[in-house]
């Protein structure tokens, strides 16, 4: 996505696929996020207008679900599992180490746009705790030290 005009054109194409029913709100937001990688304020406004809802209604639904992002993700997405197995085996320490290393908390992106950090409820890789996913690669049996090394390799 390069310009606001391009984004507006893309959003209109997506909106045209959906009838103006409130029942389409979540699928519409998912479709837009898949296309933009996040929900831009302009997208929320266009969805609200298309479905004849207020922007507050759209934000109210979108902020309820953890799947929706309101900021562009970084070039690299780091997800740290905090499910029971990962939590018991030190997932919180891995998350804290990465957070300190890159200077952001879960849900944020580094100021240079290089890394986004996310806390995930469970990846379902409970045989490898604690688990961390960098982009699409799964790393198991992580330690704070191993996770910091991975982060250094991303820079």
N, C-alpha and C. Protein backbone atom coordinates (compact mmCIF):
# COMPACT_ATOMS: atom_id res chain seq x y z
N UNK A 1 0.85 -1.16 0.00
CA UNK A 1 0.00 0.00 0.00
C UNK A 1 0.90 1.23 0.00
N UNK A 2 0.77 2.06 -0.99
CA UNK A 2 1.69 3.18 -1.08
C UNK A 2 1.05 4.53 -0.78
N UNK A 3 -0.17 4.73 -1.18
CA UNK A 3 -0.78 6.04 -0.95
C UNK A 3 -2.16 5.88 -0.32
N UNK A 4 -2.64 7.00 0.22
CA UNK A 4 -3.98 7.00 0.78
C UNK A 4 -5.01 6.69 -0.29
N UNK A 5 -4.76 7.22 -1.50
CA UNK A 5 -5.69 6.96 -2.61
C UNK A 5 -5.74 5.47 -2.95
N UNK A 6 -4.58 4.81 -2.97
CA UNK A 6 -4.53 3.36 -3.23
C UNK A 6 -5.31 2.61 -2.15
N UNK A 7 -5.10 3.03 -0.88
CA UNK A 7 -5.77 2.36 0.22
C UNK A 7 -7.28 2.54 0.09
N UNK A 8 -7.71 3.74 -0.21
CA UNK A 8 -9.14 4.00 -0.35
C UNK A 8 -9.75 3.15 -1.47
N UNK A 9 -9.05 3.05 -2.57
CA UNK A 9 -9.54 2.24 -3.69
C UNK A 9 -9.63 0.77 -3.28
N UNK A 10 -8.62 0.28 -2.59
CA UNK A 10 -8.63 -1.11 -2.13
C UNK A 10 -9.77 -1.36 -1.15
N UNK A 11 -9.97 -0.41 -0.23
CA UNK A 11 -11.03 -0.58 0.76
C UNK A 11 -12.40 -0.58 0.09
N UNK A 12 -12.58 0.27 -0.89
CA UNK A 12 -13.88 0.29 -1.61
C UNK A 12 -14.13 -1.06 -2.29
N UNK A 13 -13.09 -1.63 -2.87
CA UNK A 13 -13.24 -2.94 -3.52
C UNK A 13 -13.65 -4.00 -2.50
N UNK A 14 -13.05 -3.95 -1.32
CA UNK A 14 -13.40 -4.92 -0.27
C UNK A 14 -14.84 -4.67 0.21
N UNK A 15 -15.19 -3.42 0.45
CA UNK A 15 -16.52 -3.09 0.95
C UNK A 15 -17.62 -3.53 -0.02
N UNK A 16 -17.35 -3.43 -1.31
CA UNK A 16 -18.35 -3.81 -2.31
C UNK A 16 -18.72 -5.29 -2.23
N UNK A 17 -17.85 -6.10 -1.66
CA UNK A 17 -18.13 -7.54 -1.55
C UNK A 17 -19.14 -7.85 -0.45
N UNK A 18 -19.40 -6.88 0.42
CA UNK A 18 -20.25 -7.14 1.60
C UNK A 18 -21.52 -6.32 1.55
N UNK A 19 -22.63 -6.98 1.87
CA UNK A 19 -23.90 -6.26 2.00
C UNK A 19 -23.81 -5.38 3.23
N UNK A 20 -24.70 -4.40 3.30
CA UNK A 20 -24.64 -3.43 4.39
C UNK A 20 -25.39 -3.92 5.63
N UNK A 21 -25.00 -5.07 6.10
CA UNK A 21 -25.59 -5.66 7.29
C UNK A 21 -24.56 -5.69 8.41
N UNK A 22 -24.99 -5.37 9.62
CA UNK A 22 -24.09 -5.40 10.77
C UNK A 22 -23.48 -6.79 10.96
N UNK A 23 -24.17 -7.82 10.51
CA UNK A 23 -23.64 -9.18 10.61
C UNK A 23 -22.32 -9.34 9.86
N UNK A 24 -22.04 -8.46 8.94
CA UNK A 24 -20.80 -8.55 8.16
C UNK A 24 -19.63 -7.81 8.80
N UNK A 25 -19.86 -7.21 9.95
CA UNK A 25 -18.80 -6.38 10.55
C UNK A 25 -17.50 -7.15 10.77
N UNK A 26 -17.56 -8.26 11.47
CA UNK A 26 -16.31 -8.97 11.78
C UNK A 26 -15.65 -9.53 10.52
N UNK A 27 -16.39 -10.22 9.63
CA UNK A 27 -15.72 -10.69 8.40
C UNK A 27 -15.12 -9.55 7.59
N UNK A 28 -15.79 -8.42 7.58
CA UNK A 28 -15.28 -7.26 6.84
C UNK A 28 -13.99 -6.74 7.47
N UNK A 29 -13.97 -6.63 8.78
CA UNK A 29 -12.75 -6.19 9.47
C UNK A 29 -11.61 -7.19 9.25
N UNK A 30 -11.93 -8.48 9.27
CA UNK A 30 -10.90 -9.49 9.03
C UNK A 30 -10.34 -9.37 7.61
N UNK A 31 -11.23 -9.15 6.65
CA UNK A 31 -10.80 -9.03 5.26
C UNK A 31 -9.90 -7.80 5.09
N UNK A 32 -10.29 -6.70 5.70
CA UNK A 32 -9.48 -5.48 5.59
C UNK A 32 -8.13 -5.66 6.27
N UNK A 33 -8.14 -6.28 7.45
CA UNK A 33 -6.87 -6.48 8.14
C UNK A 33 -5.95 -7.41 7.35
N UNK A 34 -6.54 -8.41 6.72
CA UNK A 34 -5.72 -9.31 5.91
C UNK A 34 -5.07 -8.54 4.76
N UNK A 35 -5.79 -7.58 4.23
CA UNK A 35 -5.27 -6.80 3.11
C UNK A 35 -4.25 -5.74 3.56
N UNK A 36 -4.55 -5.01 4.64
CA UNK A 36 -3.68 -3.91 5.09
C UNK A 36 -2.69 -4.32 6.17
N UNK A 37 -2.92 -5.48 6.79
CA UNK A 37 -2.14 -5.96 7.94
C UNK A 37 -2.51 -5.25 9.24
N UNK A 38 -3.44 -4.33 9.19
CA UNK A 38 -3.96 -3.67 10.39
C UNK A 38 -5.22 -2.91 10.01
N UNK A 39 -5.91 -2.36 11.01
CA UNK A 39 -7.12 -1.57 10.75
C UNK A 39 -6.76 -0.10 10.89
N UNK A 40 -6.59 0.55 9.77
CA UNK A 40 -6.28 1.98 9.76
C UNK A 40 -7.53 2.77 10.15
N UNK A 41 -7.36 3.95 10.75
CA UNK A 41 -8.51 4.78 11.11
C UNK A 41 -9.43 5.06 9.92
N UNK A 42 -8.83 5.25 8.74
CA UNK A 42 -9.63 5.48 7.53
C UNK A 42 -10.50 4.27 7.21
N UNK A 43 -9.96 3.08 7.44
CA UNK A 43 -10.72 1.84 7.18
C UNK A 43 -11.89 1.72 8.14
N UNK A 44 -11.65 2.03 9.41
CA UNK A 44 -12.73 1.97 10.40
C UNK A 44 -13.85 2.95 10.02
N UNK A 45 -13.47 4.14 9.59
CA UNK A 45 -14.47 5.14 9.18
C UNK A 45 -15.27 4.66 7.98
N UNK A 46 -14.60 4.05 7.01
CA UNK A 46 -15.29 3.57 5.81
C UNK A 46 -16.21 2.40 6.14
N UNK A 47 -15.78 1.53 7.03
CA UNK A 47 -16.62 0.40 7.45
C UNK A 47 -17.86 0.93 8.15
N UNK A 48 -17.67 1.88 9.04
CA UNK A 48 -18.80 2.46 9.78
C UNK A 48 -19.82 3.06 8.81
N UNK A 49 -19.32 3.80 7.84
CA UNK A 49 -20.23 4.41 6.87
C UNK A 49 -20.94 3.35 6.03
N UNK A 50 -20.19 2.34 5.60
CA UNK A 50 -20.76 1.27 4.76
C UNK A 50 -21.87 0.52 5.50
N UNK A 51 -21.65 0.25 6.78
CA UNK A 51 -22.62 -0.54 7.56
C UNK A 51 -23.61 0.33 8.33
N UNK A 52 -23.53 1.63 8.12
CA UNK A 52 -24.41 2.59 8.80
C UNK A 52 -24.31 2.44 10.32
N UNK A 53 -23.07 2.39 10.79
CA UNK A 53 -22.77 2.31 12.22
C UNK A 53 -21.92 3.52 12.59
N UNK A 54 -21.79 3.78 13.87
CA UNK A 54 -20.85 4.83 14.28
C UNK A 54 -19.45 4.22 14.33
N UNK A 55 -18.44 5.07 14.23
CA UNK A 55 -17.06 4.57 14.36
C UNK A 55 -16.86 3.95 15.74
N UNK A 56 -17.53 4.50 16.76
CA UNK A 56 -17.42 3.93 18.10
C UNK A 56 -17.95 2.50 18.13
N UNK A 57 -19.04 2.23 17.39
CA UNK A 57 -19.56 0.86 17.32
C UNK A 57 -18.51 -0.08 16.71
N UNK A 58 -17.87 0.37 15.64
CA UNK A 58 -16.87 -0.47 14.97
C UNK A 58 -15.67 -0.69 15.89
N UNK A 59 -15.19 0.40 16.51
CA UNK A 59 -14.06 0.25 17.44
C UNK A 59 -14.45 -0.64 18.63
N UNK A 60 -15.68 -0.50 19.08
CA UNK A 60 -16.14 -1.30 20.21
C UNK A 60 -16.04 -2.79 19.94
N UNK A 61 -16.40 -3.19 18.75
CA UNK A 61 -16.30 -4.61 18.37
C UNK A 61 -14.84 -4.98 18.11
N UNK A 62 -14.14 -4.16 17.35
CA UNK A 62 -12.76 -4.49 16.96
C UNK A 62 -11.83 -4.57 18.17
N UNK A 63 -12.03 -3.71 19.15
CA UNK A 63 -11.13 -3.74 20.32
C UNK A 63 -11.46 -4.90 21.26
N UNK A 64 -12.65 -5.49 21.11
CA UNK A 64 -13.00 -6.64 21.94
C UNK A 64 -12.17 -7.87 21.57
N UNK A 65 -11.84 -8.00 20.29
CA UNK A 65 -11.12 -9.17 19.80
C UNK A 65 -9.62 -8.89 19.67
N UNK A 66 -8.83 -9.78 20.25
CA UNK A 66 -7.37 -9.60 20.22
C UNK A 66 -6.79 -9.74 18.82
N UNK A 67 -7.54 -10.32 17.89
CA UNK A 67 -7.00 -10.54 16.55
C UNK A 67 -6.80 -9.25 15.75
N UNK A 68 -7.48 -8.17 16.16
CA UNK A 68 -7.39 -6.96 15.36
C UNK A 68 -6.28 -6.04 15.87
N UNK A 69 -5.53 -5.49 14.91
CA UNK A 69 -4.43 -4.56 15.22
C UNK A 69 -4.80 -3.18 14.68
N UNK A 70 -4.36 -2.15 15.39
CA UNK A 70 -4.67 -0.78 14.98
C UNK A 70 -3.42 -0.01 14.56
N UNK A 71 -2.30 -0.72 14.50
CA UNK A 71 -1.06 -0.12 14.04
C UNK A 71 -0.40 -1.08 13.06
N UNK A 72 0.30 -0.56 12.07
CA UNK A 72 0.97 -1.46 11.13
C UNK A 72 1.98 -2.34 11.86
N UNK A 73 2.02 -3.62 11.53
CA UNK A 73 3.00 -4.49 12.17
C UNK A 73 4.41 -4.20 11.64
N UNK A 74 5.40 -4.60 12.42
CA UNK A 74 6.78 -4.42 12.00
C UNK A 74 7.15 -5.41 10.90
N UNK A 75 8.34 -5.21 10.33
CA UNK A 75 8.80 -6.12 9.28
C UNK A 75 8.92 -7.55 9.81
N UNK A 76 9.30 -7.68 11.07
CA UNK A 76 9.38 -8.99 11.72
C UNK A 76 8.37 -9.03 12.86
N UNK A 77 7.60 -10.11 12.90
CA UNK A 77 6.61 -10.28 13.97
C UNK A 77 7.09 -11.37 14.90
N UNK A 78 7.22 -11.02 16.17
CA UNK A 78 7.63 -11.98 17.19
C UNK A 78 6.44 -12.25 18.08
N UNK A 79 6.11 -13.54 18.19
CA UNK A 79 4.99 -13.94 19.04
C UNK A 79 5.53 -14.88 20.11
N UNK A 80 5.16 -14.59 21.34
CA UNK A 80 5.62 -15.41 22.47
C UNK A 80 4.40 -16.09 23.08
N UNK A 81 4.44 -17.40 23.15
CA UNK A 81 3.33 -18.16 23.72
C UNK A 81 3.29 -17.99 25.24
N UNK A 82 2.10 -17.75 25.75
CA UNK A 82 1.91 -17.65 27.19
C UNK A 82 0.87 -18.66 27.67
N UNK A 83 0.70 -19.74 26.89
CA UNK A 83 -0.20 -20.81 27.31
C UNK A 83 0.34 -21.48 28.56
N UNK A 84 -0.42 -22.39 29.12
CA UNK A 84 -0.04 -22.99 30.41
C UNK A 84 1.33 -23.65 30.37
N UNK A 85 1.57 -24.50 29.37
CA UNK A 85 2.87 -25.20 29.30
C UNK A 85 4.02 -24.21 29.15
N UNK A 86 3.84 -23.22 28.29
CA UNK A 86 4.91 -22.23 28.08
C UNK A 86 5.08 -21.34 29.31
N UNK A 87 3.98 -20.99 29.95
CA UNK A 87 4.06 -20.17 31.16
C UNK A 87 4.85 -20.90 32.26
N UNK A 88 4.51 -22.16 32.46
CA UNK A 88 5.17 -22.95 33.52
C UNK A 88 6.66 -23.11 33.23
N UNK A 89 7.02 -23.19 31.94
CA UNK A 89 8.43 -23.44 31.58
C UNK A 89 9.20 -22.15 31.29
N UNK A 90 8.65 -21.00 31.64
CA UNK A 90 9.43 -19.77 31.55
C UNK A 90 9.08 -18.85 30.39
N UNK A 91 7.93 -19.00 29.80
CA UNK A 91 7.52 -18.12 28.70
C UNK A 91 7.49 -16.66 29.10
N UNK A 92 7.12 -16.39 30.34
CA UNK A 92 7.09 -15.02 30.82
C UNK A 92 8.48 -14.41 30.87
N UNK A 93 9.47 -15.22 31.25
CA UNK A 93 10.84 -14.71 31.30
C UNK A 93 11.36 -14.42 29.88
N UNK A 94 10.98 -15.27 28.92
CA UNK A 94 11.38 -15.04 27.52
C UNK A 94 10.75 -13.74 27.02
N UNK A 95 9.47 -13.58 27.31
CA UNK A 95 8.77 -12.35 26.88
C UNK A 95 9.41 -11.12 27.51
N UNK A 96 9.69 -11.18 28.80
CA UNK A 96 10.33 -10.04 29.49
C UNK A 96 11.71 -9.73 28.91
N UNK A 97 12.48 -10.78 28.61
CA UNK A 97 13.83 -10.57 28.06
C UNK A 97 13.76 -9.87 26.71
N UNK A 98 12.85 -10.32 25.86
CA UNK A 98 12.72 -9.71 24.53
C UNK A 98 12.22 -8.28 24.66
N UNK A 99 11.25 -8.09 25.53
CA UNK A 99 10.68 -6.75 25.74
C UNK A 99 11.78 -5.78 26.18
N UNK A 100 12.61 -6.19 27.12
CA UNK A 100 13.73 -5.34 27.56
C UNK A 100 14.72 -5.10 26.43
N UNK A 101 15.02 -6.16 25.68
CA UNK A 101 16.03 -6.08 24.62
C UNK A 101 15.64 -5.07 23.53
N UNK A 102 14.35 -5.09 23.13
CA UNK A 102 13.96 -4.21 22.02
C UNK A 102 13.24 -2.95 22.49
N UNK A 103 12.96 -2.86 23.80
CA UNK A 103 12.42 -1.63 24.36
C UNK A 103 10.95 -1.37 24.08
N UNK A 104 10.18 -2.42 23.84
CA UNK A 104 8.73 -2.25 23.65
C UNK A 104 8.00 -3.31 24.46
N UNK A 105 6.73 -3.10 24.67
CA UNK A 105 5.90 -4.08 25.37
C UNK A 105 5.03 -4.79 24.33
N UNK A 106 4.48 -5.96 24.71
CA UNK A 106 3.60 -6.67 23.76
C UNK A 106 2.50 -5.76 23.23
N UNK A 107 2.28 -5.87 21.92
CA UNK A 107 1.28 -5.04 21.26
C UNK A 107 1.88 -3.82 20.58
N UNK A 108 3.19 -3.62 20.76
CA UNK A 108 3.84 -2.45 20.16
C UNK A 108 4.80 -2.88 19.06
N UNK A 109 5.22 -1.88 18.29
CA UNK A 109 6.22 -2.06 17.24
C UNK A 109 7.36 -1.10 17.52
N UNK A 110 8.59 -1.57 17.29
CA UNK A 110 9.74 -0.69 17.52
C UNK A 110 9.61 0.57 16.67
N UNK A 111 10.15 1.70 17.15
CA UNK A 111 10.02 2.96 16.40
C UNK A 111 10.55 2.88 14.96
N UNK A 112 11.52 2.01 14.71
CA UNK A 112 12.04 1.89 13.34
C UNK A 112 11.18 0.97 12.46
N UNK A 113 10.11 0.42 13.04
CA UNK A 113 9.21 -0.44 12.28
C UNK A 113 9.78 -1.81 11.98
N UNK A 114 10.86 -2.19 12.66
CA UNK A 114 11.51 -3.47 12.36
C UNK A 114 10.83 -4.66 13.05
N UNK A 115 10.41 -4.50 14.31
CA UNK A 115 9.91 -5.64 15.07
C UNK A 115 8.62 -5.29 15.79
N UNK A 116 7.65 -6.21 15.68
CA UNK A 116 6.43 -6.14 16.49
C UNK A 116 6.48 -7.28 17.48
N UNK A 117 6.00 -7.03 18.68
CA UNK A 117 6.02 -8.05 19.73
C UNK A 117 4.59 -8.35 20.15
N UNK A 118 4.26 -9.64 20.19
CA UNK A 118 2.91 -10.04 20.55
C UNK A 118 2.94 -11.16 21.59
N UNK A 119 1.99 -11.10 22.49
CA UNK A 119 1.77 -12.16 23.47
C UNK A 119 0.63 -13.01 22.90
N UNK A 120 0.82 -14.34 22.83
CA UNK A 120 -0.19 -15.23 22.26
C UNK A 120 -0.64 -16.21 23.33
N UNK A 121 -1.94 -16.50 23.36
CA UNK A 121 -2.49 -17.38 24.39
C UNK A 121 -1.96 -18.80 24.27
N UNK A 122 -1.90 -19.37 23.08
CA UNK A 122 -1.35 -20.72 22.90
C UNK A 122 -1.17 -21.01 21.42
N UNK A 123 0.00 -21.56 21.07
CA UNK A 123 0.25 -21.97 19.69
C UNK A 123 -0.15 -23.42 19.46
N UNK A 124 -0.34 -24.17 20.54
CA UNK A 124 -0.63 -25.60 20.43
C UNK A 124 0.64 -26.41 20.22
N UNK A 125 1.78 -25.85 20.54
CA UNK A 125 3.05 -26.57 20.44
C UNK A 125 3.53 -26.90 21.85
N UNK A 126 2.66 -27.51 22.63
CA UNK A 126 2.90 -27.69 24.05
C UNK A 126 4.01 -28.69 24.37
N UNK A 127 4.52 -29.39 23.37
CA UNK A 127 5.64 -30.31 23.61
C UNK A 127 6.98 -29.59 23.58
N UNK A 128 6.99 -28.31 23.19
CA UNK A 128 8.23 -27.56 23.03
C UNK A 128 8.31 -26.30 23.87
N UNK A 129 7.73 -26.25 25.04
CA UNK A 129 7.69 -24.97 25.76
C UNK A 129 9.05 -24.52 26.28
N UNK A 130 9.23 -23.23 26.42
CA UNK A 130 8.41 -22.15 25.90
C UNK A 130 8.65 -21.94 24.41
N UNK A 131 7.60 -21.56 23.71
CA UNK A 131 7.64 -21.43 22.26
C UNK A 131 7.60 -19.96 21.86
N UNK A 132 8.35 -19.67 20.83
CA UNK A 132 8.40 -18.32 20.26
C UNK A 132 8.33 -18.47 18.75
N UNK A 133 7.58 -17.61 18.08
CA UNK A 133 7.48 -17.65 16.62
C UNK A 133 8.01 -16.33 16.08
N UNK A 134 8.98 -16.42 15.20
CA UNK A 134 9.53 -15.24 14.54
C UNK A 134 9.11 -15.34 13.07
N UNK A 135 8.29 -14.40 12.66
CA UNK A 135 7.66 -14.43 11.34
C UNK A 135 6.90 -15.75 11.23
N UNK A 136 7.31 -16.69 10.42
CA UNK A 136 6.58 -17.96 10.33
C UNK A 136 7.38 -19.15 10.85
N UNK A 137 8.49 -18.90 11.52
CA UNK A 137 9.34 -19.97 12.02
C UNK A 137 9.12 -20.16 13.52
N UNK A 138 8.87 -21.43 13.90
CA UNK A 138 8.63 -21.76 15.30
C UNK A 138 9.94 -22.18 15.96
N UNK A 139 10.20 -21.60 17.13
CA UNK A 139 11.38 -21.95 17.91
C UNK A 139 10.91 -22.47 19.26
N UNK A 140 11.33 -23.68 19.60
CA UNK A 140 10.92 -24.29 20.85
C UNK A 140 12.02 -24.32 21.87
N UNK A 141 11.61 -24.60 23.12
CA UNK A 141 12.54 -24.69 24.26
C UNK A 141 13.43 -23.45 24.35
N UNK A 142 12.77 -22.31 24.27
CA UNK A 142 13.51 -21.04 24.30
C UNK A 142 13.91 -20.68 25.72
N UNK A 143 14.96 -19.92 25.81
CA UNK A 143 15.42 -19.33 27.06
C UNK A 143 15.55 -17.83 26.79
N UNK A 144 15.62 -17.03 27.84
CA UNK A 144 15.86 -15.61 27.59
C UNK A 144 17.10 -15.36 26.75
N UNK A 145 18.18 -16.09 27.02
CA UNK A 145 19.44 -15.91 26.29
C UNK A 145 19.27 -16.27 24.80
N UNK A 146 18.63 -17.44 24.52
CA UNK A 146 18.44 -17.86 23.13
C UNK A 146 17.54 -16.87 22.39
N UNK A 147 16.54 -16.37 23.07
CA UNK A 147 15.61 -15.43 22.40
C UNK A 147 16.32 -14.11 22.09
N UNK A 148 17.17 -13.66 23.00
CA UNK A 148 17.91 -12.42 22.75
C UNK A 148 18.85 -12.57 21.55
N UNK A 149 19.45 -13.76 21.42
CA UNK A 149 20.34 -14.02 20.28
C UNK A 149 19.55 -13.96 18.97
N UNK A 150 18.35 -14.54 18.96
CA UNK A 150 17.51 -14.47 17.76
C UNK A 150 17.20 -13.03 17.39
N UNK A 151 16.92 -12.21 18.40
CA UNK A 151 16.60 -10.81 18.15
C UNK A 151 17.80 -10.08 17.54
N UNK A 152 18.98 -10.37 18.05
CA UNK A 152 20.19 -9.74 17.51
C UNK A 152 20.36 -10.08 16.04
N UNK A 153 20.00 -11.31 15.66
CA UNK A 153 20.14 -11.71 14.26
C UNK A 153 19.13 -11.01 13.34
N UNK A 154 18.05 -10.49 13.90
CA UNK A 154 17.05 -9.79 13.10
C UNK A 154 17.47 -8.37 12.73
N UNK A 155 18.37 -7.82 13.51
CA UNK A 155 18.75 -6.41 13.30
C UNK A 155 19.65 -6.23 12.10
